[in-house]
Amino acid sequence: VNTQPPADNSTYRRPGKDEAKADDKTGKEDTAKTPAEKRAEAAKKAESDKLKQEMCAEARETLRTLEESPRVRTEDKEGNVSYLNEDEVAKRKKAEQERVGKYCK
C-alpha cells in the first residue's frame, strides 16, 4: 500500500500556492509596517541625510581650499610633509567636484 501522496508534476499554478515565494522573487516589501518600524526607518533616513550634508560640506571646503591655495600641503602616515604638484591638484579638484555633485544634490 502506497502511503505517499502523488507528486505534483502539473504545470497548473493553484491560487494561493507559493505566493509568498513569488513576492520574494519580485522584491516587493510588506506594506503593513508597524509604527515602530516606520519611526526606525524615518530615523535612519534622517541620519543618512545628516551624513550627506556633512559629506557635502567637507567636499565643498576641500574644493575651496584646492582652488584658493597656491600650494597645497599634505601629510602622510609618518608625518612627512609634501606639496602637491599641478597634476595632483587637478586630479584632487576633479575628485572633489565629483563628491560635491554626489553629496550636494
PDB file of N, CA and C in Angstrom:
ATOM      1  N   VAL A   1       0.859  -1.177   0.000  1.00  0.00           N
ATOM      2  CA  VAL A   1       0.000   0.000   0.000  1.00  0.00           C
ATOM      3  C   VAL A   1       0.902   1.237   0.000  1.00  0.00           C
ATOM      4  N   ASN A   2       0.653   2.155  -0.914  1.00  0.00           N
ATOM      5  CA  ASN A   2       1.421   3.387  -1.022  1.00  0.00           C
ATOM      6  C   ASN A   2       0.779   4.450  -0.128  1.00  0.00           C
ATOM      7  N   THR A   3       1.547   4.960   0.860  1.00  0.00           N
ATOM      8  CA  THR A   3       1.012   5.961   1.782  1.00  0.00           C
ATOM      9  C   THR A   3       1.427   7.383   1.407  1.00  0.00           C
ATOM     10  N   GLN A   4       2.266   7.534   0.403  1.00  0.00           N
ATOM     11  CA  GLN A   4       2.725   8.855  -0.030  1.00  0.00           C
ATOM     12  C   GLN A   4       1.739   9.443  -1.029  1.00  0.00           C
ATOM     13  N   PRO A   5       1.470  10.744  -0.962  1.00  0.00           N
ATOM     14  CA  PRO A   5       0.607  11.359  -1.966  1.00  0.00           C
ATOM     15  C   PRO A   5       1.352  11.422  -3.295  1.00  0.00           C
ATOM     16  N   PRO A   6       0.652  11.451  -4.398  1.00  0.00           N
ATOM     17  CA  PRO A   6       1.324  11.518  -5.699  1.00  0.00           C
ATOM     18  C   PRO A   6       2.070  12.842  -5.847  1.00  0.00           C
ATOM     19  N   ALA A   7       3.164  12.811  -6.564  1.00  0.00           N
ATOM     20  CA  ALA A   7       3.957  14.017  -6.792  1.00  0.00           C
ATOM     21  C   ALA A   7       3.180  14.984  -7.674  1.00  0.00           C
ATOM     22  N   ASP A   8       3.301  16.285  -7.392  1.00  0.00           N
ATOM     23  CA  ASP A   8       2.596  17.302  -8.162  1.00  0.00           C
ATOM     24  C   ASP A   8       3.481  17.683  -9.353  1.00  0.00           C
ATOM     25  N   ASN A   9       3.244  17.112 -10.489  1.00  0.00           N
ATOM     26  CA  ASN A   9       4.026  17.379 -11.690  1.00  0.00           C
ATOM     27  C   ASN A   9       3.282  18.280 -12.671  1.00  0.00           C
ATOM     28  N   SER A  10       2.134  18.781 -12.299  1.00  0.00           N
ATOM     29  CA  SER A  10       1.342  19.592 -13.213  1.00  0.00           C
ATOM     30  C   SER A  10       1.934  20.992 -13.341  1.00  0.00           C
ATOM     31  N   THR A  11       1.640  21.636 -14.448  1.00  0.00           N
ATOM     32  CA  THR A  11       2.107  22.997 -14.679  1.00  0.00           C
ATOM     33  C   THR A  11       1.077  24.024 -14.213  1.00  0.00           C
ATOM     34  N   TYR A  12      -0.093  23.559 -13.816  1.00  0.00           N
ATOM     35  CA  TYR A  12      -1.141  24.448 -13.327  1.00  0.00           C
ATOM     36  C   TYR A  12      -0.729  25.021 -11.976  1.00  0.00           C
ATOM     37  N   ARG A  13      -0.776  26.342 -11.824  1.00  0.00           N
ATOM     38  CA  ARG A  13      -0.427  27.008 -10.563  1.00  0.00           C
ATOM     39  C   ARG A  13      -1.710  27.292  -9.816  1.00  0.00           C
ATOM     40  N   ARG A  14      -1.837  26.678  -8.698  1.00  0.00           N
ATOM     41  CA  ARG A  14      -3.037  26.846  -7.887  1.00  0.00           C
ATOM     42  C   ARG A  14      -2.986  28.183  -7.165  1.00  0.00           C
ATOM     43  N   PRO A  15      -4.112  28.883  -7.112  1.00  0.00           N
ATOM     44  CA  PRO A  15      -4.144  30.171  -6.393  1.00  0.00           C
ATOM     45  C   PRO A  15      -3.752  29.982  -4.936  1.00  0.00           C
ATOM     46  N   GLY A  16      -2.906  30.882  -4.459  1.00  0.00           N
ATOM     47  CA  GLY A  16      -2.500  30.839  -3.058  1.00  0.00           C
ATOM     48  C   GLY A  16      -1.292  29.972  -2.802  1.00  0.00           C
ATOM     49  N   LYS A  17      -0.934  29.139  -3.742  1.00  0.00           N
ATOM     50  CA  LYS A  17       0.202  28.248  -3.540  1.00  0.00           C
ATOM     51  C   LYS A  17       1.474  28.962  -3.989  1.00  0.00           C
ATOM     52  N   ASP A  18       2.438  29.027  -3.104  1.00  0.00           N
ATOM     53  CA  ASP A  18       3.752  29.630  -3.364  1.00  0.00           C
ATOM     54  C   ASP A  18       3.675  31.125  -3.690  1.00  0.00           C
ATOM     55  N   GLU A  19       2.642  31.816  -3.249  1.00  0.00           N
ATOM     56  CA  GLU A  19       2.566  33.254  -3.496  1.00  0.00           C
ATOM     57  C   GLU A  19       3.632  34.005  -2.717  1.00  0.00           C
ATOM     58  N   ALA A  20       3.937  33.538  -1.522  1.00  0.00           N
ATOM     59  CA  ALA A  20       4.964  34.197  -0.719  1.00  0.00           C
ATOM     60  C   ALA A  20       6.305  34.113  -1.430  1.00  0.00           C
ATOM     61  N   LYS A  21       6.589  32.989  -2.034  1.00  0.00           N
ATOM     62  CA  LYS A  21       7.846  32.846  -2.757  1.00  0.00           C
ATOM     63  C   LYS A  21       7.877  33.768  -3.965  1.00  0.00           C
ATOM     64  N   ALA A  22       6.762  33.931  -4.645  1.00  0.00           N
ATOM     65  CA  ALA A  22       6.697  34.809  -5.807  1.00  0.00           C
ATOM     66  C   ALA A  22       6.961  36.254  -5.392  1.00  0.00           C
ATOM     67  N   ASP A  23       6.429  36.685  -4.242  1.00  0.00           N
ATOM     68  CA  ASP A  23       6.672  38.046  -3.773  1.00  0.00           C
ATOM     69  C   ASP A  23       8.140  38.262  -3.442  1.00  0.00           C
ATOM     70  N   ASP A  24       8.796  37.251  -2.886  1.00  0.00           N
ATOM     71  CA  ASP A  24      10.213  37.380  -2.569  1.00  0.00           C
ATOM     72  C   ASP A  24      11.032  37.562  -3.835  1.00  0.00           C
ATOM     73  N   LYS A  25      10.636  36.902  -4.901  1.00  0.00           N
ATOM     74  CA  LYS A  25      11.379  36.994  -6.150  1.00  0.00           C
ATOM     75  C   LYS A  25      11.248  38.374  -6.781  1.00  0.00           C
ATOM     76  N   THR A  26      10.114  39.020  -6.631  1.00  0.00           N
ATOM     77  CA  THR A  26       9.908  40.326  -7.241  1.00  0.00           C
ATOM     78  C   THR A  26      10.467  41.449  -6.382  1.00  0.00           C
ATOM     79  N   GLY A  27      10.792  41.157  -5.145  1.00  0.00           N
ATOM     80  CA  GLY A  27      11.374  42.161  -4.265  1.00  0.00           C
ATOM     81  C   GLY A  27      10.369  43.092  -3.639  1.00  0.00           C
ATOM     82  N   LYS A  28       9.100  42.717  -3.614  1.00  0.00           N
ATOM     83  CA  LYS A  28       8.081  43.573  -3.018  1.00  0.00           C
ATOM     84  C   LYS A  28       8.246  43.590  -1.502  1.00  0.00           C
ATOM     85  N   GLU A  29       8.049  44.767  -0.934  1.00  0.00           N
ATOM     86  CA  GLU A  29       8.116  44.888   0.517  1.00  0.00           C
ATOM     87  C   GLU A  29       6.729  44.694   1.110  1.00  0.00           C
ATOM     88  N   ASP A  30       6.719  44.287   2.345  1.00  0.00           N
ATOM     89  CA  ASP A  30       5.457  44.176   3.067  1.00  0.00           C
ATOM     90  C   ASP A  30       4.978  45.594   3.357  1.00  0.00           C
ATOM     91  N   THR A  31       3.789  45.935   2.866  1.00  0.00           N
ATOM     92  CA  THR A  31       3.299  47.304   3.011  1.00  0.00           C
ATOM     93  C   THR A  31       2.742  47.584   4.401  1.00  0.00           C
ATOM     94  N   ALA A  32       2.454  46.557   5.172  1.00  0.00           N
ATOM     95  CA  ALA A  32       1.917  46.747   6.521  1.00  0.00           C
ATOM     96  C   ALA A  32       3.079  46.821   7.513  1.00  0.00           C
ATOM     97  N   LYS A  33       3.478  48.056   7.839  1.00  0.00           N
ATOM     98  CA  LYS A  33       4.577  48.262   8.785  1.00  0.00           C
ATOM     99  C   LYS A  33       4.016  48.799  10.086  1.00  0.00           C
ATOM    100  N   THR A  34       4.636  48.394  11.151  1.00  0.00           N
ATOM    101  CA  THR A  34       4.217  48.875  12.457  1.00  0.00           C
ATOM    102  C   THR A  34       4.723  50.304  12.639  1.00  0.00           C
ATOM    103  N   PRO A  35       4.121  51.053  13.556  1.00  0.00           N
ATOM    104  CA  PRO A  35       4.597  52.414  13.811  1.00  0.00           C
ATOM    105  C   PRO A  35       6.066  52.441  14.245  1.00  0.00           C
ATOM    106  N   ALA A  36       6.497  51.446  14.996  1.00  0.00           N
ATOM    107  CA  ALA A  36       7.898  51.397  15.434  1.00  0.00           C
ATOM    108  C   ALA A  36       8.824  51.229  14.235  1.00  0.00           C
ATOM    109  N   GLU A  37       8.423  50.398  13.294  1.00  0.00           N
ATOM    110  CA  GLU A  37       9.234  50.202  12.087  1.00  0.00           C
ATOM    111  C   GLU A  37       9.294  51.479  11.256  1.00  0.00           C
ATOM    112  N   LYS A  38       8.168  52.179  11.176  1.00  0.00           N
ATOM    113  CA  LYS A  38       8.133  53.439  10.434  1.00  0.00           C
ATOM    114  C   LYS A  38       9.037  54.483  11.089  1.00  0.00           C
ATOM    115  N   ARG A  39       9.002  54.558  12.435  1.00  0.00           N
ATOM    116  CA  ARG A  39       9.870  55.511  13.146  1.00  0.00           C
ATOM    117  C   ARG A  39      11.335  55.166  12.937  1.00  0.00           C
ATOM    118  N   ALA A  40      11.683  53.891  12.998  1.00  0.00           N
ATOM    119  CA  ALA A  40      13.070  53.465  12.812  1.00  0.00           C
ATOM    120  C   ALA A  40      13.547  53.798  11.400  1.00  0.00           C
ATOM    121  N   GLU A  41      12.672  53.592  10.428  1.00  0.00           N
ATOM    122  CA  GLU A  41      13.022  53.906   9.046  1.00  0.00           C
ATOM    123  C   GLU A  41      13.219  55.409   8.865  1.00  0.00           C
ATOM    124  N   ALA A  42      12.368  56.210   9.476  1.00  0.00           N
ATOM    125  CA  ALA A  42      12.490  57.668   9.381  1.00  0.00           C
ATOM    126  C   ALA A  42      13.771  58.150  10.055  1.00  0.00           C
ATOM    127  N   ALA A  43      14.116  57.553  11.197  1.00  0.00           N
ATOM    128  CA  ALA A  43      15.348  57.927  11.892  1.00  0.00           C
ATOM    129  C   ALA A  43      16.569  57.579  11.048  1.00  0.00           C
ATOM    130  N   LYS A  44      16.527  56.433  10.398  1.00  0.00           N
ATOM    131  CA  LYS A  44      17.641  56.011   9.550  1.00  0.00           C
ATOM    132  C   LYS A  44      17.809  56.964   8.371  1.00  0.00           C
ATOM    133  N   LYS A  45      16.687  57.384   7.780  1.00  0.00           N
ATOM    134  CA  LYS A  45      16.738  58.318   6.653  1.00  0.00           C
ATOM    135  C   LYS A  45      17.275  59.677   7.113  1.00  0.00           C
ATOM    136  N   ALA A  46      16.857  60.135   8.279  1.00  0.00           N
ATOM    137  CA  ALA A  46      17.337  61.418   8.799  1.00  0.00           C
ATOM    138  C   ALA A  46      18.836  61.356   9.057  1.00  0.00           C
ATOM    139  N   GLU A  47      19.295  60.231   9.605  1.00  0.00           N
ATOM    140  CA  GLU A  47      20.724  60.064   9.871  1.00  0.00           C
ATOM    141  C   GLU A  47      21.501  60.064   8.555  1.00  0.00           C
ATOM    142  N   SER A  48      20.955  59.408   7.550  1.00  0.00           N
ATOM    143  CA  SER A  48      21.591  59.368   6.232  1.00  0.00           C
ATOM    144  C   SER A  48      21.652  60.768   5.618  1.00  0.00           C
ATOM    145  N   ASP A  49      20.568  61.522   5.756  1.00  0.00           N
ATOM    146  CA  ASP A  49      20.540  62.886   5.231  1.00  0.00           C
ATOM    147  C   ASP A  49      21.560  63.768   5.937  1.00  0.00           C
ATOM    148  N   LYS A  50      21.686  63.607   7.245  1.00  0.00           N
ATOM    149  CA  LYS A  50      22.660  64.392   8.005  1.00  0.00           C
ATOM    150  C   LYS A  50      24.076  64.051   7.564  1.00  0.00           C
ATOM    151  N   LEU A  51      24.356  62.772   7.352  1.00  0.00           N
ATOM    152  CA  LEU A  51      25.673  62.347   6.896  1.00  0.00           C
ATOM    153  C   LEU A  51      25.964  62.913   5.514  1.00  0.00           C
ATOM    154  N   LYS A  52      24.964  62.935   4.629  1.00  0.00           N
ATOM    155  CA  LYS A  52      25.144  63.504   3.304  1.00  0.00           C
ATOM    156  C   LYS A  52      25.484  64.991   3.393  1.00  0.00           C
ATOM    157  N   GLN A  53      24.808  65.708   4.295  1.00  0.00           N
ATOM    158  CA  GLN A  53      25.084  67.139   4.461  1.00  0.00           C
ATOM    159  C   GLN A  53      26.511  67.360   4.945  1.00  0.00           C
ATOM    160  N   GLU A  54      26.964  66.521   5.870  1.00  0.00           N
ATOM    161  CA  GLU A  54      28.336  66.646   6.372  1.00  0.00           C
ATOM    162  C   GLU A  54      29.353  66.359   5.275  1.00  0.00           C
ATOM    163  N   MET A  55      29.088  65.323   4.482  1.00  0.00           N
ATOM    164  CA  MET A  55      29.993  64.980   3.395  1.00  0.00           C
ATOM    165  C   MET A  55      30.018  66.097   2.348  1.00  0.00           C
ATOM    166  N   CYS A  56      28.873  66.704   2.100  1.00  0.00           N
ATOM    167  CA  CYS A  56      28.781  67.815   1.157  1.00  0.00           C
ATOM    168  C   CYS A  56      29.623  68.995   1.644  1.00  0.00           C
ATOM    169  N   ALA A  57      29.468  69.347   2.900  1.00  0.00           N
ATOM    170  CA  ALA A  57      30.221  70.476   3.461  1.00  0.00           C
ATOM    171  C   ALA A  57      31.724  70.196   3.402  1.00  0.00           C
ATOM    172  N   GLU A  58      32.124  68.970   3.717  1.00  0.00           N
ATOM    173  CA  GLU A  58      33.548  68.605   3.685  1.00  0.00           C
ATOM    174  C   GLU A  58      34.095  68.694   2.256  1.00  0.00           C
ATOM    175  N   ALA A  59      33.336  68.187   1.288  1.00  0.00           N
ATOM    176  CA  ALA A  59      33.779  68.217  -0.102  1.00  0.00           C
ATOM    177  C   ALA A  59      33.893  69.648  -0.609  1.00  0.00           C
ATOM    178  N   ARG A  60      32.933  70.492  -0.256  1.00  0.00           N
ATOM    179  CA  ARG A  60      32.989  71.896  -0.686  1.00  0.00           C
ATOM    180  C   ARG A  60      34.175  72.630  -0.067  1.00  0.00           C
ATOM    181  N   GLU A  61      34.435  72.369   1.203  1.00  0.00           N
ATOM    182  CA  GLU A  61      35.567  73.008   1.883  1.00  0.00           C
ATOM    183  C   GLU A  61      36.896  72.575   1.260  1.00  0.00           C
ATOM    184  N   THR A  62      37.030  71.290   0.978  1.00  0.00           N
ATOM    185  CA  THR A  62      38.260  70.789   0.365  1.00  0.00           C
ATOM    186  C   THR A  62      38.435  71.377  -1.030  1.00  0.00           C
ATOM    187  N   LEU A  63      37.361  71.436  -1.805  1.00  0.00           N
ATOM    188  CA  LEU A  63      37.425  72.015  -3.145  1.00  0.00           C
ATOM    189  C   LEU A  63      37.804  73.491  -3.077  1.00  0.00           C
ATOM    190  N   ARG A  64      37.230  74.217  -2.132  1.00  0.00           N
ATOM    191  CA  ARG A  64      37.560  75.644  -1.971  1.00  0.00           C
ATOM    192  C   ARG A  64      39.042  75.804  -1.653  1.00  0.00           C
ATOM    193  N   THR A  65      39.562  74.957  -0.774  1.00  0.00           N
ATOM    194  CA  THR A  65      40.987  75.017  -0.412  1.00  0.00           C
ATOM    195  C   THR A  65      41.857  74.742  -1.635  1.00  0.00           C
ATOM    196  N   LEU A  66      41.499  73.730  -2.413  1.00  0.00           N
ATOM    197  CA  LEU A  66      42.290  73.398  -3.602  1.00  0.00           C
ATOM    198  C   LEU A  66      42.278  74.527  -4.624  1.00  0.00           C
ATOM    199  N   GLU A  67      41.148  75.225  -4.740  1.00  0.00           N
ATOM    200  CA  GLU A  67      41.037  76.294  -5.724  1.00  0.00           C
ATOM    201  C   GLU A  67      41.712  77.585  -5.271  1.00  0.00           C
ATOM    202  N   GLU A  68      41.713  77.874  -3.977  1.00  0.00           N
ATOM    203  CA  GLU A  68      42.215  79.151  -3.483  1.00  0.00           C
ATOM    204  C   GLU A  68      43.669  79.130  -3.035  1.00  0.00           C
ATOM    205  N   SER A  69      44.187  77.986  -2.667  1.00  0.00           N
ATOM    206  CA  SER A  69      45.547  77.926  -2.131  1.00  0.00           C
ATOM    207  C   SER A  69      46.566  77.779  -3.260  1.00  0.00           C
ATOM    208  N   PRO A  70      47.625  78.608  -3.223  1.00  0.00           N
ATOM    209  CA  PRO A  70      48.646  78.499  -4.259  1.00  0.00           C
ATOM    210  C   PRO A  70      49.458  77.201  -4.136  1.00  0.00           C
ATOM    211  N   ARG A  71      49.687  76.742  -2.905  1.00  0.00           N
ATOM    212  CA  ARG A  71      50.402  75.491  -2.664  1.00  0.00           C
ATOM    213  C   ARG A  71      49.585  74.655  -1.687  1.00  0.00           C
ATOM    214  N   VAL A  72      49.367  73.398  -2.039  1.00  0.00           N
ATOM    215  CA  VAL A  72      48.581  72.512  -1.187  1.00  0.00           C
ATOM    216  C   VAL A  72      49.526  71.523  -0.534  1.00  0.00           C
ATOM    217  N   ARG A  73      49.503  71.525   0.772  1.00  0.00           N
ATOM    218  CA  ARG A  73      50.403  70.680   1.559  1.00  0.00           C
ATOM    219  C   ARG A  73      49.650  69.452   2.059  1.00  0.00           C
ATOM    220  N   THR A  74      50.309  68.296   2.011  1.00  0.00           N
ATOM    221  CA  THR A  74      49.729  67.065   2.525  1.00  0.00           C
ATOM    222  C   THR A  74      50.701  66.414   3.498  1.00  0.00           C
ATOM    223  N   GLU A  75      50.158  65.566   4.335  1.00  0.00           N
ATOM    224  CA  GLU A  75      50.964  64.867   5.331  1.00  0.00           C
ATOM    225  C   GLU A  75      50.675  63.375   5.211  1.00  0.00           C
ATOM    226  N   ASP A  76      51.724  62.532   5.188  1.00  0.00           N
ATOM    227  CA  ASP A  76      51.499  61.090   5.106  1.00  0.00           C
ATOM    228  C   ASP A  76      51.385  60.504   6.512  1.00  0.00           C
ATOM    229  N   LYS A  77      51.299  59.164   6.588  1.00  0.00           N
ATOM    230  CA  LYS A  77      51.084  58.499   7.879  1.00  0.00           C
ATOM    231  C   LYS A  77      52.231  58.699   8.850  1.00  0.00           C
ATOM    232  N   GLU A  78      53.437  58.837   8.325  1.00  0.00           N
ATOM    233  CA  GLU A  78      54.602  59.035   9.211  1.00  0.00           C
ATOM    234  C   GLU A  78      54.796  60.492   9.623  1.00  0.00           C
ATOM    235  N   GLY A  79      53.969  61.380   9.066  1.00  0.00           N
ATOM    236  CA  GLY A  79      54.063  62.789   9.424  1.00  0.00           C
ATOM    237  C   GLY A  79      54.938  63.588   8.481  1.00  0.00           C
ATOM    238  N   ASN A  80      55.393  62.983   7.389  1.00  0.00           N
ATOM    239  CA  ASN A  80      56.202  63.690   6.402  1.00  0.00           C
ATOM    240  C   ASN A  80      55.315  64.629   5.592  1.00  0.00           C
ATOM    241  N   VAL A  81      55.804  65.859   5.406  1.00  0.00           N
ATOM    242  CA  VAL A  81      55.042  66.875   4.691  1.00  0.00           C
ATOM    243  C   VAL A  81      55.525  66.940   3.246  1.00  0.00           C
ATOM    244  N   SER A  82      54.567  67.029   2.312  1.00  0.00           N
ATOM    245  CA  SER A  82      54.911  67.215   0.899  1.00  0.00           C
ATOM    246  C   SER A  82      53.888  68.153   0.288  1.00  0.00           C
ATOM    247  N   TYR A  83      54.249  68.703  -0.859  1.00  0.00           N
ATOM    248  CA  TYR A  83      53.353  69.617  -1.566  1.00  0.00           C
ATOM    249  C   TYR A  83      52.894  68.963  -2.858  1.00  0.00           C
ATOM    250  N   LEU A  84      51.638  69.198  -3.208  1.00  0.00           N
ATOM    251  CA  LEU A  84      51.078  68.623  -4.424  1.00  0.00           C
ATOM    252  C   LEU A  84      51.527  69.428  -5.637  1.00  0.00           C
ATOM    253  N   ASN A  85      51.868  68.721  -6.725  1.00  0.00           N
ATOM    254  CA  ASN A  85      52.188  69.431  -7.967  1.00  0.00           C
ATOM    255  C   ASN A  85      50.884  69.753  -8.697  1.00  0.00           C
ATOM    256  N   GLU A  86      50.989  70.432  -9.836  1.00  0.00           N
ATOM    257  CA  GLU A  86      49.791  70.895 -10.545  1.00  0.00           C
ATOM    258  C   GLU A  86      48.897  69.732 -10.995  1.00  0.00           C
ATOM    259  N   ASP A  87      49.505  68.640 -11.464  1.00  0.00           N
ATOM    260  CA  ASP A  87      48.712  67.487 -11.910  1.00  0.00           C
ATOM    261  C   ASP A  87      47.947  66.861 -10.751  1.00  0.00           C
ATOM    262  N   GLU A  88      48.607  66.730  -9.599  1.00  0.00           N
ATOM    263  CA  GLU A  88      47.953  66.148  -8.422  1.00  0.00           C
ATOM    264  C   GLU A  88      46.814  67.038  -7.933  1.00  0.00           C
ATOM    265  N   VAL A  89      47.034  68.353  -7.970  1.00  0.00           N
ATOM    266  CA  VAL A  89      45.983  69.296  -7.568  1.00  0.00           C
ATOM    267  C   VAL A  89      44.793  69.169  -8.521  1.00  0.00           C
ATOM    268  N   ALA A  90      45.060  69.057  -9.817  1.00  0.00           N
ATOM    269  CA  ALA A  90      43.980  68.934 -10.803  1.00  0.00           C
ATOM    270  C   ALA A  90      43.188  67.642 -10.562  1.00  0.00           C
ATOM    271  N   LYS A  91      43.881  66.541 -10.279  1.00  0.00           N
ATOM    272  CA  LYS A  91      43.196  65.273 -10.005  1.00  0.00           C
ATOM    273  C   LYS A  91      42.325  65.378  -8.760  1.00  0.00           C
ATOM    274  N   ARG A  92      42.866  66.001  -7.725  1.00  0.00           N
ATOM    275  CA  ARG A  92      42.091  66.143  -6.483  1.00  0.00           C
ATOM    276  C   ARG A  92      40.891  67.064  -6.685  1.00  0.00           C
ATOM    277  N   LYS A  93      41.073  68.142  -7.465  1.00  0.00           N
ATOM    278  CA  LYS A  93      39.946  69.041  -7.743  1.00  0.00           C
ATOM    279  C   LYS A  93      38.823  68.279  -8.436  1.00  0.00           C
ATOM    280  N   LYS A  94      39.191  67.471  -9.434  1.00  0.00           N
ATOM    281  CA  LYS A  94      38.186  66.707 -10.160  1.00  0.00           C
ATOM    282  C   LYS A  94      37.466  65.748  -9.224  1.00  0.00           C
ATOM    283  N   ALA A  95      38.220  65.065  -8.358  1.00  0.00           N
ATOM    284  CA  ALA A  95      37.616  64.125  -7.412  1.00  0.00           C
ATOM    285  C   ALA A  95      36.675  64.845  -6.447  1.00  0.00           C
ATOM    286  N   GLU A  96      37.059  66.015  -5.972  1.00  0.00           N
ATOM    287  CA  GLU A  96      36.215  66.770  -5.042  1.00  0.00           C
ATOM    288  C   GLU A  96      34.980  67.321  -5.745  1.00  0.00           C
ATOM    289  N   GLN A  97      35.112  67.707  -7.012  1.00  0.00           N
ATOM    290  CA  GLN A  97      33.945  68.166  -7.767  1.00  0.00           C
ATOM    291  C   GLN A  97      32.939  67.029  -7.932  1.00  0.00           C
ATOM    292  N   GLU A  98      33.438  65.813  -8.149  1.00  0.00           N
ATOM    293  CA  GLU A  98      32.556  64.649  -8.240  1.00  0.00           C
ATOM    294  C   GLU A  98      31.863  64.396  -6.901  1.00  0.00           C
ATOM    295  N   ARG A  99      32.596  64.538  -5.799  1.00  0.00           N
ATOM    296  CA  ARG A  99      31.995  64.357  -4.462  1.00  0.00           C
ATOM    297  C   ARG A  99      30.923  65.412  -4.207  1.00  0.00           C
ATOM    298  N   VAL A 100      31.198  66.656  -4.614  1.00  0.00           N
ATOM    299  CA  VAL A 100      30.205  67.722  -4.449  1.00  0.00           C
ATOM    300  C   VAL A 100      28.944  67.365  -5.243  1.00  0.00           C
ATOM    301  N   GLY A 101      29.117  66.897  -6.474  1.00  0.00           N
ATOM    302  CA  GLY A 101      27.985  66.507  -7.295  1.00  0.00           C
ATOM    303  C   GLY A 101      27.205  65.347  -6.690  1.00  0.00           C
ATOM    304  N   LYS A 102      27.907  64.452  -6.028  1.00  0.00           N
ATOM    305  CA  LYS A 102      27.259  63.269  -5.443  1.00  0.00           C
ATOM    306  C   LYS A 102      26.508  63.604  -4.168  1.00  0.00           C
ATOM    307  N   TYR A 103      27.104  64.376  -3.272  1.00  0.00           N
ATOM    308  CA  TYR A 103      26.529  64.605  -1.954  1.00  0.00           C
ATOM    309  C   TYR A 103      25.726  65.902  -1.823  1.00  0.00           C
ATOM    310  N   CYS A 104      25.898  66.831  -2.742  1.00  0.00           N
ATOM    311  CA  CYS A 104      25.231  68.136  -2.604  1.00  0.00           C
ATOM    312  C   CYS A 104      24.099  68.280  -3.610  1.00  0.00           C
ATOM    313  N   LYS A 105      23.154  67.388  -3.577  1.00  0.00           N
ATOM    314  CA  LYS A 105      22.027  67.442  -4.511  1.00  0.00           C
ATOM    315  C   LYS A 105      20.890  68.235  -3.921  1.00  0.00           C
TER     316      LYS A 105
END
